[in-house]
Amino acid sequence: MKRPFSKGRPPEDHDARFIKVALPRLKKHWNTTGHVLDVGTGKSLRLAKLFSDVTAFDEKTPNCDIPEGIEYIQTDIESFEMDKKFSLIIIWAVLYQFPPEVQKKYMSKLLDMLTDDGVILIAEDHIREKRATRANSGEDYYYRFDSLSDDLEIVDKFHVFWNRVALLKLKKDPRA
């Protein structure tokens, strides 16, 4: 029987690997305080549960109780609106589902919610170039991570299982 979350590994393995690999690297660039936004959190809220003061959203209804400290909003990325600023935005296996022009639109929307010293954690199957097929149209395109926004710079890259992960921050204004 094939387990969910791919390649036969149980979800707990993914969480343990994320904690072992990603959290120490994240802490080098993120002050671990402030609000966290988990974009497209998934039905189990797996990553959202690792942090406190989290807003998480997804189109799907969660299949678990929502823990204290997590504000869950059932919506899609197009409809999501929030005045709150976040010091960490997690985007795990979400953007590849959209063509490049929509990725940029959503990224711009999320950047408006990022604090000046905040961090964006993006994980996808391939962070540089990925030939992806949109499920709803069958259209092929190349996923280019570094073209999501001219306002961001990669401060770290690493792998968690088959996912390539990047930590990004707003570029510093050289005139400041």
N, C-alpha and C. Protein backbone atom coordinates (compact mmCIF):
# COMPACT_ATOMS: atom_id res chain seq x y z
N MET A 1 0.84 -1.18 0.00
CA MET A 1 0.00 0.00 0.00
C MET A 1 0.89 1.25 0.00
N LYS A 2 0.65 2.12 -0.96
CA LYS A 2 1.45 3.34 -1.06
C LYS A 2 0.93 4.37 -0.06
N ARG A 3 1.83 4.97 0.68
CA ARG A 3 1.46 5.98 1.68
C ARG A 3 1.33 7.35 1.03
N PRO A 4 0.55 8.23 1.67
CA PRO A 4 0.45 9.59 1.13
C PRO A 4 1.78 10.34 1.30
N PHE A 5 1.89 11.47 0.66
CA PHE A 5 3.05 12.36 0.71
C PHE A 5 4.26 11.75 0.02
N SER A 6 4.01 10.85 -0.89
CA SER A 6 4.98 10.42 -1.88
C SER A 6 6.09 9.50 -1.40
N LYS A 7 6.59 8.81 -2.35
CA LYS A 7 7.76 7.97 -2.25
C LYS A 7 7.75 7.04 -1.05
N GLY A 8 6.55 6.70 -0.55
CA GLY A 8 6.44 5.71 0.49
C GLY A 8 6.80 6.18 1.89
N ARG A 9 7.17 7.44 2.05
CA ARG A 9 7.53 7.92 3.38
C ARG A 9 6.30 8.46 4.09
N PRO A 10 6.13 8.13 5.35
CA PRO A 10 4.97 8.66 6.09
C PRO A 10 5.15 10.15 6.35
N PRO A 11 4.05 10.87 6.57
CA PRO A 11 4.12 12.31 6.81
C PRO A 11 5.06 12.67 7.96
N GLU A 12 5.14 11.82 8.98
CA GLU A 12 6.00 12.12 10.12
C GLU A 12 7.47 12.23 9.70
N ASP A 13 7.88 11.44 8.69
CA ASP A 13 9.25 11.53 8.18
C ASP A 13 9.52 12.91 7.59
N HIS A 14 8.54 13.42 6.86
CA HIS A 14 8.68 14.74 6.24
C HIS A 14 8.81 15.81 7.30
N ASP A 15 7.97 15.73 8.33
CA ASP A 15 8.02 16.72 9.41
C ASP A 15 9.37 16.67 10.12
N ALA A 16 9.84 15.46 10.42
CA ALA A 16 11.12 15.30 11.11
C ALA A 16 12.26 15.84 10.24
N ARG A 17 12.22 15.56 8.96
CA ARG A 17 13.27 16.04 8.06
C ARG A 17 13.22 17.57 7.95
N PHE A 18 12.02 18.12 7.88
CA PHE A 18 11.87 19.58 7.82
C PHE A 18 12.47 20.21 9.07
N ILE A 19 12.15 19.63 10.23
CA ILE A 19 12.66 20.17 11.50
C ILE A 19 14.18 20.07 11.54
N LYS A 20 14.73 18.93 11.10
CA LYS A 20 16.17 18.71 11.16
C LYS A 20 16.93 19.60 10.17
N VAL A 21 16.41 19.74 8.95
CA VAL A 21 17.15 20.44 7.90
C VAL A 21 16.74 21.91 7.79
N ALA A 22 15.46 22.17 7.68
CA ALA A 22 15.01 23.52 7.34
C ALA A 22 15.01 24.49 8.51
N LEU A 23 14.54 24.06 9.68
CA LEU A 23 14.41 25.01 10.78
C LEU A 23 15.74 25.64 11.20
N PRO A 24 16.82 24.88 11.35
CA PRO A 24 18.09 25.54 11.71
C PRO A 24 18.54 26.57 10.67
N ARG A 25 18.32 26.26 9.41
CA ARG A 25 18.72 27.19 8.34
C ARG A 25 17.81 28.40 8.32
N LEU A 26 16.53 28.16 8.56
CA LEU A 26 15.57 29.25 8.61
C LEU A 26 15.92 30.23 9.73
N LYS A 27 16.31 29.69 10.88
CA LYS A 27 16.61 30.53 12.04
C LYS A 27 17.81 31.45 11.82
N LYS A 28 18.67 31.13 10.85
CA LYS A 28 19.80 32.01 10.53
C LYS A 28 19.32 33.31 9.88
N HIS A 29 18.14 33.27 9.26
CA HIS A 29 17.66 34.42 8.49
C HIS A 29 16.36 35.00 9.03
N TRP A 30 15.73 34.32 9.96
CA TRP A 30 14.44 34.74 10.49
C TRP A 30 14.55 34.83 12.00
N ASN A 31 14.04 35.91 12.57
CA ASN A 31 14.21 36.13 14.01
C ASN A 31 13.25 35.31 14.87
N THR A 32 12.46 34.44 14.28
CA THR A 32 11.53 33.50 14.93
C THR A 32 10.42 34.19 15.71
N THR A 33 10.23 35.46 15.49
CA THR A 33 9.08 36.13 16.10
C THR A 33 8.22 36.71 14.99
N GLY A 34 7.02 37.06 15.34
CA GLY A 34 6.11 37.63 14.37
C GLY A 34 5.15 36.59 13.84
N HIS A 35 4.24 37.06 13.03
CA HIS A 35 3.19 36.22 12.48
C HIS A 35 3.74 35.36 11.33
N VAL A 36 3.21 34.14 11.21
CA VAL A 36 3.59 33.22 10.14
C VAL A 36 2.37 32.99 9.26
N LEU A 37 2.58 33.01 7.94
CA LEU A 37 1.52 32.71 6.98
C LEU A 37 1.90 31.43 6.25
N ASP A 38 1.01 30.44 6.27
CA ASP A 38 1.21 29.18 5.56
C ASP A 38 0.24 29.16 4.39
N VAL A 39 0.78 29.35 3.20
CA VAL A 39 -0.01 29.46 1.96
C VAL A 39 -0.31 28.07 1.42
N GLY A 40 -1.58 27.75 1.22
CA GLY A 40 -1.93 26.44 0.71
C GLY A 40 -1.49 25.35 1.66
N THR A 41 -1.86 25.50 2.92
CA THR A 41 -1.36 24.66 4.01
C THR A 41 -1.66 23.17 3.86
N GLY A 42 -2.69 22.83 3.12
CA GLY A 42 -3.07 21.43 3.00
C GLY A 42 -4.06 21.04 4.08
N LYS A 43 -4.69 19.92 3.90
CA LYS A 43 -5.76 19.51 4.82
C LYS A 43 -5.26 19.14 6.21
N SER A 44 -3.99 18.77 6.34
CA SER A 44 -3.50 18.32 7.65
C SER A 44 -2.81 19.42 8.45
N LEU A 45 -2.60 20.58 7.87
CA LEU A 45 -1.93 21.70 8.55
C LEU A 45 -0.56 21.30 9.07
N ARG A 46 0.13 20.38 8.39
CA ARG A 46 1.38 19.81 8.91
C ARG A 46 2.44 20.85 9.26
N LEU A 47 2.74 21.76 8.35
CA LEU A 47 3.79 22.74 8.64
C LEU A 47 3.30 23.81 9.60
N ALA A 48 2.04 24.20 9.47
CA ALA A 48 1.49 25.24 10.35
C ALA A 48 1.61 24.84 11.82
N LYS A 49 1.50 23.55 12.10
CA LYS A 49 1.57 23.06 13.49
C LYS A 49 2.95 23.23 14.11
N LEU A 50 3.97 23.49 13.30
CA LEU A 50 5.33 23.62 13.82
C LEU A 50 5.62 25.02 14.37
N PHE A 51 4.73 25.95 14.14
CA PHE A 51 4.97 27.33 14.52
C PHE A 51 3.84 27.83 15.42
N SER A 52 4.06 28.96 16.08
CA SER A 52 2.98 29.59 16.84
C SER A 52 2.59 30.87 16.12
N ASP A 53 1.42 31.38 16.42
CA ASP A 53 0.90 32.61 15.80
C ASP A 53 0.87 32.48 14.27
N VAL A 54 0.08 31.52 13.80
CA VAL A 54 0.03 31.17 12.38
C VAL A 54 -1.34 31.50 11.80
N THR A 55 -1.32 32.06 10.61
CA THR A 55 -2.50 32.14 9.76
C THR A 55 -2.24 31.17 8.63
N ALA A 56 -3.15 30.24 8.42
CA ALA A 56 -2.99 29.24 7.37
C ALA A 56 -4.24 29.26 6.51
N PHE A 57 -4.04 29.13 5.20
CA PHE A 57 -5.22 29.03 4.36
C PHE A 57 -5.03 27.98 3.28
N ASP A 58 -6.16 27.44 2.86
CA ASP A 58 -6.21 26.45 1.80
C ASP A 58 -7.64 26.39 1.29
N GLU A 59 -7.81 25.90 0.08
CA GLU A 59 -9.15 25.72 -0.48
C GLU A 59 -9.89 24.58 0.21
N LYS A 60 -9.13 23.63 0.73
CA LYS A 60 -9.73 22.41 1.28
C LYS A 60 -10.10 22.58 2.75
N THR A 61 -11.06 21.80 3.17
CA THR A 61 -11.44 21.75 4.58
C THR A 61 -10.40 20.90 5.31
N PRO A 62 -9.88 21.36 6.46
CA PRO A 62 -8.88 20.56 7.17
C PRO A 62 -9.46 19.23 7.64
N ASN A 63 -8.62 18.20 7.65
CA ASN A 63 -9.07 16.87 8.11
C ASN A 63 -8.61 16.61 9.54
N CYS A 64 -8.35 17.68 10.28
CA CYS A 64 -7.91 17.56 11.67
C CYS A 64 -8.48 18.73 12.46
N ASP A 65 -8.39 18.62 13.78
CA ASP A 65 -8.78 19.75 14.61
C ASP A 65 -7.75 20.85 14.42
N ILE A 66 -8.20 22.08 14.43
CA ILE A 66 -7.30 23.21 14.27
C ILE A 66 -6.70 23.55 15.63
N PRO A 67 -5.38 23.40 15.77
CA PRO A 67 -4.75 23.63 17.06
C PRO A 67 -4.83 25.10 17.49
N GLU A 68 -4.70 25.32 18.77
CA GLU A 68 -4.67 26.67 19.31
C GLU A 68 -3.46 27.39 18.71
N GLY A 69 -3.62 28.64 18.39
CA GLY A 69 -2.54 29.42 17.81
C GLY A 69 -2.54 29.45 16.30
N ILE A 70 -3.45 28.69 15.68
CA ILE A 70 -3.55 28.69 14.22
C ILE A 70 -4.91 29.25 13.82
N GLU A 71 -4.87 30.30 13.03
CA GLU A 71 -6.09 30.84 12.44
C GLU A 71 -6.20 30.22 11.05
N TYR A 72 -7.22 29.40 10.83
CA TYR A 72 -7.40 28.73 9.55
C TYR A 72 -8.48 29.43 8.75
N ILE A 73 -8.18 29.74 7.50
CA ILE A 73 -9.14 30.38 6.61
C ILE A 73 -9.29 29.50 5.39
N GLN A 74 -10.52 29.09 5.12
CA GLN A 74 -10.76 28.26 3.94
C GLN A 74 -11.04 29.17 2.76
N THR A 75 -10.03 29.32 1.92
CA THR A 75 -10.12 30.18 0.74
C THR A 75 -9.01 29.81 -0.22
N ASP A 76 -9.05 30.37 -1.41
CA ASP A 76 -7.96 30.15 -2.35
C ASP A 76 -7.04 31.37 -2.35
N ILE A 77 -5.91 31.25 -3.02
CA ILE A 77 -4.92 32.32 -3.00
C ILE A 77 -5.45 33.57 -3.71
N GLU A 78 -6.30 33.39 -4.69
CA GLU A 78 -6.88 34.53 -5.41
C GLU A 78 -7.75 35.37 -4.48
N SER A 79 -8.51 34.73 -3.62
CA SER A 79 -9.47 35.43 -2.75
C SER A 79 -8.89 35.84 -1.41
N PHE A 80 -7.74 35.30 -1.03
CA PHE A 80 -7.17 35.58 0.29
C PHE A 80 -6.80 37.05 0.42
N GLU A 81 -7.28 37.67 1.48
CA GLU A 81 -6.96 39.07 1.79
C GLU A 81 -6.67 39.17 3.27
N MET A 82 -5.66 39.97 3.63
CA MET A 82 -5.35 40.16 5.04
C MET A 82 -4.54 41.44 5.17
N ASP A 83 -4.88 42.24 6.17
CA ASP A 83 -4.13 43.47 6.43
C ASP A 83 -2.88 43.21 7.28
N LYS A 84 -2.83 42.08 7.93
CA LYS A 84 -1.73 41.72 8.82
C LYS A 84 -0.44 41.55 8.02
N LYS A 85 0.70 41.89 8.64
CA LYS A 85 2.01 41.65 8.05
C LYS A 85 2.61 40.39 8.68
N PHE A 86 3.36 39.65 7.89
CA PHE A 86 3.94 38.38 8.34
C PHE A 86 5.46 38.43 8.26
N SER A 87 6.11 37.86 9.27
CA SER A 87 7.57 37.82 9.27
C SER A 87 8.09 36.56 8.57
N LEU A 88 7.22 35.57 8.38
CA LEU A 88 7.56 34.35 7.65
C LEU A 88 6.36 33.94 6.82
N ILE A 89 6.60 33.74 5.53
CA ILE A 89 5.57 33.22 4.64
C ILE A 89 6.08 31.91 4.06
N ILE A 90 5.32 30.84 4.26
CA ILE A 90 5.68 29.51 3.78
C ILE A 90 4.82 29.19 2.56
N ILE A 91 5.48 28.85 1.46
CA ILE A 91 4.77 28.49 0.22
C ILE A 91 5.33 27.14 -0.22
N TRP A 92 4.68 26.07 0.20
CA TRP A 92 5.19 24.71 -0.04
C TRP A 92 4.35 24.03 -1.11
N ALA A 93 4.96 23.78 -2.26
CA ALA A 93 4.32 23.05 -3.36
C ALA A 93 3.00 23.69 -3.78
N VAL A 94 3.04 24.98 -4.05
CA VAL A 94 1.84 25.71 -4.45
C VAL A 94 2.02 26.38 -5.81
N LEU A 95 3.07 27.17 -5.96
CA LEU A 95 3.20 28.04 -7.13
C LEU A 95 3.33 27.29 -8.45
N TYR A 96 3.90 26.10 -8.45
CA TYR A 96 4.08 25.37 -9.70
C TYR A 96 2.75 25.07 -10.39
N GLN A 97 1.68 25.16 -9.65
CA GLN A 97 0.37 24.84 -10.21
C GLN A 97 -0.17 25.94 -11.13
N PHE A 98 0.53 27.06 -11.18
CA PHE A 98 0.05 28.21 -11.95
C PHE A 98 1.07 28.61 -13.00
N PRO A 99 0.60 29.19 -14.11
CA PRO A 99 1.53 29.68 -15.13
C PRO A 99 2.33 30.88 -14.60
N PRO A 100 3.45 31.20 -15.23
CA PRO A 100 4.34 32.23 -14.72
C PRO A 100 3.68 33.59 -14.44
N GLU A 101 2.81 34.04 -15.29
CA GLU A 101 2.20 35.36 -15.07
C GLU A 101 1.31 35.37 -13.82
N VAL A 102 0.69 34.24 -13.51
CA VAL A 102 -0.14 34.15 -12.30
C VAL A 102 0.76 34.00 -11.07
N GLN A 103 1.87 33.25 -11.20
CA GLN A 103 2.83 33.13 -10.10
C GLN A 103 3.31 34.52 -9.67
N LYS A 104 3.66 35.36 -10.64
CA LYS A 104 4.14 36.71 -10.32
C LYS A 104 3.05 37.54 -9.64
N LYS A 105 1.84 37.39 -10.11
CA LYS A 105 0.72 38.13 -9.52
C LYS A 105 0.54 37.73 -8.05
N TYR A 106 0.54 36.43 -7.78
CA TYR A 106 0.36 35.95 -6.41
C TYR A 106 1.56 36.33 -5.54
N MET A 107 2.75 36.25 -6.10
CA MET A 107 3.94 36.61 -5.34
C MET A 107 3.89 38.09 -4.96
N SER A 108 3.46 38.92 -5.86
CA SER A 108 3.34 40.36 -5.57
C SER A 108 2.35 40.59 -4.43
N LYS A 109 1.26 39.87 -4.46
CA LYS A 109 0.25 39.97 -3.41
C LYS A 109 0.84 39.56 -2.05
N LEU A 110 1.59 38.47 -2.04
CA LEU A 110 2.19 37.99 -0.79
C LEU A 110 3.29 38.93 -0.30
N LEU A 111 4.05 39.52 -1.20
CA LEU A 111 5.10 40.46 -0.80
C LEU A 111 4.52 41.66 -0.06
N ASP A 112 3.32 42.07 -0.42
CA ASP A 112 2.66 43.18 0.27
C ASP A 112 2.35 42.82 1.72
N MET A 113 2.33 41.53 2.04
CA MET A 113 2.02 41.07 3.40
C MET A 113 3.29 40.74 4.20
N LEU A 114 4.46 40.86 3.59
CA LEU A 114 5.73 40.51 4.24
C LEU A 114 6.31 41.72 4.97
N THR A 115 6.78 41.51 6.20
CA THR A 115 7.46 42.58 6.91
C THR A 115 8.78 42.89 6.20
N ASP A 116 9.34 44.06 6.47
CA ASP A 116 10.58 44.48 5.79
C ASP A 116 11.73 43.51 6.01
N ASP A 117 11.80 42.89 7.19
CA ASP A 117 12.89 41.95 7.47
C ASP A 117 12.41 40.49 7.44
N GLY A 118 11.24 40.28 6.83
CA GLY A 118 10.65 38.95 6.78
C GLY A 118 11.33 38.01 5.81
N VAL A 119 10.97 36.73 5.91
CA VAL A 119 11.53 35.67 5.07
C VAL A 119 10.40 34.93 4.38
N ILE A 120 10.63 34.58 3.13
CA ILE A 120 9.72 33.70 2.41
C ILE A 120 10.43 32.37 2.22
N LEU A 121 9.76 31.29 2.60
CA LEU A 121 10.28 29.94 2.39
C LEU A 121 9.46 29.33 1.27
N ILE A 122 10.12 29.01 0.17
CA ILE A 122 9.43 28.39 -0.97
C ILE A 122 10.04 27.03 -1.20
N ALA A 123 9.18 26.03 -1.36
CA ALA A 123 9.64 24.69 -1.69
C ALA A 123 8.83 24.17 -2.87
N GLU A 124 9.52 23.64 -3.83
CA GLU A 124 8.90 23.04 -5.01
C GLU A 124 9.77 21.86 -5.42
N ASP A 125 9.26 21.06 -6.33
CA ASP A 125 10.03 19.92 -6.82
C ASP A 125 11.36 20.36 -7.41
N HIS A 126 11.36 21.39 -8.20
CA HIS A 126 12.58 21.91 -8.81
C HIS A 126 12.53 23.42 -8.69
N ILE A 127 13.50 23.98 -8.05
CA ILE A 127 13.43 25.41 -7.78
C ILE A 127 13.94 26.23 -8.96
N ARG A 128 14.81 25.72 -9.74
CA ARG A 128 15.33 26.50 -10.86
C ARG A 128 14.41 26.41 -12.08
N GLU A 129 14.41 25.29 -12.75
CA GLU A 129 13.54 25.14 -13.91
C GLU A 129 12.77 23.85 -13.76
N LYS A 130 11.50 23.94 -13.95
CA LYS A 130 10.68 22.76 -13.86
C LYS A 130 9.67 22.79 -15.00
N ARG A 131 9.66 21.75 -15.77
CA ARG A 131 8.64 21.66 -16.78
C ARG A 131 7.41 21.14 -16.08
N ALA A 132 6.40 21.95 -16.03
CA ALA A 132 5.18 21.59 -15.30
C ALA A 132 4.00 21.61 -16.25
N THR A 133 3.01 20.86 -15.92
CA THR A 133 1.79 20.84 -16.70
C THR A 133 0.65 21.23 -15.80
N ARG A 134 -0.07 22.24 -16.21
CA ARG A 134 -1.23 22.65 -15.44
C ARG A 134 -2.29 21.57 -15.56
N ALA A 135 -2.75 21.10 -14.43
CA ALA A 135 -3.71 19.99 -14.42
C ALA A 135 -5.00 20.35 -15.15
N ASN A 136 -5.44 21.58 -15.02
CA ASN A 136 -6.74 21.93 -15.60
C ASN A 136 -6.68 22.23 -17.09
N SER A 137 -5.50 22.52 -17.65
CA SER A 137 -5.45 22.87 -19.07
C SER A 137 -4.53 21.97 -19.89
N GLY A 138 -3.60 21.27 -19.21
CA GLY A 138 -2.64 20.45 -19.93
C GLY A 138 -1.54 21.28 -20.58
N GLU A 139 -1.52 22.58 -20.33
CA GLU A 139 -0.52 23.48 -20.92
C GLU A 139 0.83 23.28 -20.22
N ASP A 140 1.90 23.17 -21.00
CA ASP A 140 3.24 23.04 -20.44
C ASP A 140 3.89 24.42 -20.31
N TYR A 141 4.70 24.60 -19.30
CA TYR A 141 5.47 25.83 -19.14
C TYR A 141 6.66 25.52 -18.27
N TYR A 142 7.59 26.43 -18.20
CA TYR A 142 8.77 26.25 -17.36
C TYR A 142 8.61 27.05 -16.09
N TYR A 143 8.85 26.39 -14.99
CA TYR A 143 8.78 27.04 -13.68
C TYR A 143 10.16 27.60 -13.39
N ARG A 144 10.27 28.92 -13.38
CA ARG A 144 11.54 29.57 -13.09
C ARG A 144 11.41 30.31 -11.78
N PHE A 145 12.02 29.73 -10.76
CA PHE A 145 11.92 30.29 -9.43
C PHE A 145 12.46 31.72 -9.36
N ASP A 146 13.60 31.94 -9.98
CA ASP A 146 14.25 33.25 -9.86
C ASP A 146 13.54 34.35 -10.63
N SER A 147 12.47 34.02 -11.30
CA SER A 147 11.72 35.06 -12.02
C SER A 147 10.42 35.43 -11.31
N LEU A 148 10.24 34.97 -10.08
CA LEU A 148 9.00 35.27 -9.36
C LEU A 148 8.88 36.73 -8.97
N SER A 149 9.98 37.35 -8.64
CA SER A 149 9.95 38.76 -8.25
C SER A 149 11.35 39.35 -8.32
N ASP A 150 11.44 40.56 -8.84
CA ASP A 150 12.72 41.26 -8.87
C ASP A 150 13.07 41.85 -7.51
N ASP A 151 12.12 41.83 -6.58
CA ASP A 151 12.32 42.43 -5.26
C ASP A 151 12.90 41.47 -4.24
N LEU A 152 13.12 40.21 -4.63
CA LEU A 152 13.60 39.20 -3.69
C LEU A 152 14.98 38.71 -4.05
N GLU A 153 15.73 38.30 -3.03
CA GLU A 153 17.01 37.65 -3.26
C GLU A 153 17.04 36.34 -2.48
N ILE A 154 17.69 35.35 -3.06
CA ILE A 154 17.84 34.05 -2.39
C ILE A 154 18.95 34.19 -1.35
N VAL A 155 18.64 33.85 -0.10
CA VAL A 155 19.66 33.91 0.96
C VAL A 155 20.13 32.51 1.36
N ASP A 156 19.40 31.46 0.95
CA ASP A 156 19.83 30.10 1.24
C ASP A 156 19.04 29.14 0.35
N LYS A 157 19.68 28.01 0.00
CA LYS A 157 19.02 26.96 -0.78
C LYS A 157 19.44 25.62 -0.20
N PHE A 158 18.51 24.67 -0.16
CA PHE A 158 18.81 23.34 0.35
C PHE A 158 17.70 22.39 -0.09
N HIS A 159 17.84 21.11 0.27
CA HIS A 159 16.85 20.10 -0.09
C HIS A 159 16.21 19.51 1.16
N VAL A 160 14.93 19.21 1.08
CA VAL A 160 14.22 18.39 2.05
C VAL A 160 13.53 17.31 1.21
N PHE A 161 14.05 16.10 1.31
CA PHE A 161 13.67 15.01 0.41
C PHE A 161 13.87 15.48 -1.02
N TRP A 162 12.90 15.33 -1.88
CA TRP A 162 13.05 15.70 -3.29
C TRP A 162 12.71 17.16 -3.54
N ASN A 163 12.27 17.88 -2.52
CA ASN A 163 11.94 19.29 -2.69
C ASN A 163 13.18 20.15 -2.57
N ARG A 164 13.30 21.07 -3.47
CA ARG A 164 14.31 22.11 -3.33
C ARG A 164 13.65 23.26 -2.59
N VAL A 165 14.36 23.79 -1.64
CA VAL A 165 13.82 24.84 -0.78
C VAL A 165 14.70 26.07 -0.91
N ALA A 166 14.07 27.23 -0.94
CA ALA A 166 14.81 28.48 -0.97
C ALA A 166 14.25 29.41 0.09
N LEU A 167 15.15 30.12 0.73
CA LEU A 167 14.76 31.18 1.65
C LEU A 167 15.06 32.49 0.95
N LEU A 168 14.08 33.37 0.93
CA LEU A 168 14.22 34.64 0.25
C LEU A 168 13.91 35.79 1.16
N LYS A 169 14.58 36.90 0.92
CA LYS A 169 14.31 38.12 1.65
C LYS A 169 14.18 39.25 0.64
N LEU A 170 13.57 40.33 1.07
CA LEU A 170 13.49 41.51 0.23
C LEU A 170 14.89 42.04 -0.01
N LYS A 171 15.16 42.45 -1.24
CA LYS A 171 16.46 43.04 -1.53
C LYS A 171 16.59 44.35 -0.78
N LYS A 172 17.77 44.59 -0.30
CA LYS A 172 18.05 45.86 0.37
C LYS A 172 18.21 46.95 -0.67
N ASP A 173 17.66 48.10 -0.40
CA ASP A 173 17.79 49.23 -1.29
C ASP A 173 19.23 49.74 -1.19
N PRO A 174 20.00 49.68 -2.29
CA PRO A 174 21.40 50.08 -2.21
C PRO A 174 21.57 51.56 -1.88
N ARG A 175 20.53 52.36 -2.08
CA ARG A 175 20.61 53.79 -1.78
C ARG A 175 20.34 54.08 -0.30
N ALA A 176 19.83 53.05 0.43
CA ALA A 176 19.47 53.28 1.86
C ALA A 176 20.70 53.31 2.74
